[in-house]
Amino acid sequence: MKRLRIEHQTGFSYQGDVSASYNEARMLPGSTDSQFVLSSALEIEPSTSVNQYVDYFGTRVASFDVLSAHSSLTITARSLVEVRPRPIEHVELTWDDLFEASSRSMETVEQLTQTNRTKPHEEVAVLARSIAAEHHHPGRAAHAIAVAVGDAVEYMHGITGVHSTARDAWEARKGVCQDIAHITIGALREVGIPARYVSGYLHPRPNAEVGVAVSGESHAWVEWFAGEWQGFDPTNNIEIGDRHVLIGRGRDYNDVPPLRGVYAGPFKSHLHVKVTITREA
């Protein structure tokens, strides 16, 4: 188990004054069976009131508006979280069992439908079906599919953008964690395995020193349902461990962006992001 302190600062600078902005932030973790939130707080500049709630998929949301003129907006989320590893535990059920189980709940049914982000390239669909055909148990097939996607796509910044799809990233065979998660989810849904997008953070150093602050970034991985929900990080081809801090889940990135909003004012704005992660214990 690790104790991680996370500071995530993001926001916009505008080319001139903005008369009003309306925003949602998904930047604070919640306690689960594998992580415990010791403290969490959101600081907004310019200062304003915040309405906090939990969205449809179980993610903590801070909704706020700034109705006075401002030339910049900065949101800083600070969290202290204890995290334990979440190793994969395969449930020995058949494909027929999975079909029956996944059709019983909205939680799984909704994670079977492809979105514009996850719709797989034809080559990915063929790859997923060929791997699934080799396994009698869908959980083991899901694990093999995720590893295959992680092996096939190189992690690289600057090739894709925030609006890129799984198809775009597969054609380039390059992308960031968001892209690799979308490709994996599309492949899993292609063979009837419910899969969802997970947003959060990953401490970049496996053997992090206590008390040393390092630069990090938002991270994304996947979870699939094969009797139980299991998580995997295809970008790094590792199981979900005590370096992963979960923020939210959804059908794809569109359900869990760290910051989303609209404003009235100058056309152009600049997004800034800084994440610092410190192992405290």
Foldseek 3Di string as FASTA:
>chain_A
DFKKKKKKKKWKFAPFKFQKKKKKFLADFDDDPFKHWPDKDKDKPVDWDWDWDADPQGFIMTITMDRHIDRMIMMMMITIMFGFFFDDDFDADFPVVLVVVLVPDPNQVVLLDADQQQAEDPVLQVVLVVLVVVDRALVVSLLVSLQVLLVQAAEDPDQDDPPHHLHSRNVVSYYHQQNSQSPSSNSSSSSPWRKKKWKWWFDPDPPADAPDKDWTDIHIWMWTDRPHIATARSNVSGGGGRRTGTRGMDSGVVVHPRMDMDTGDDPDMDMDMTMMMGTND
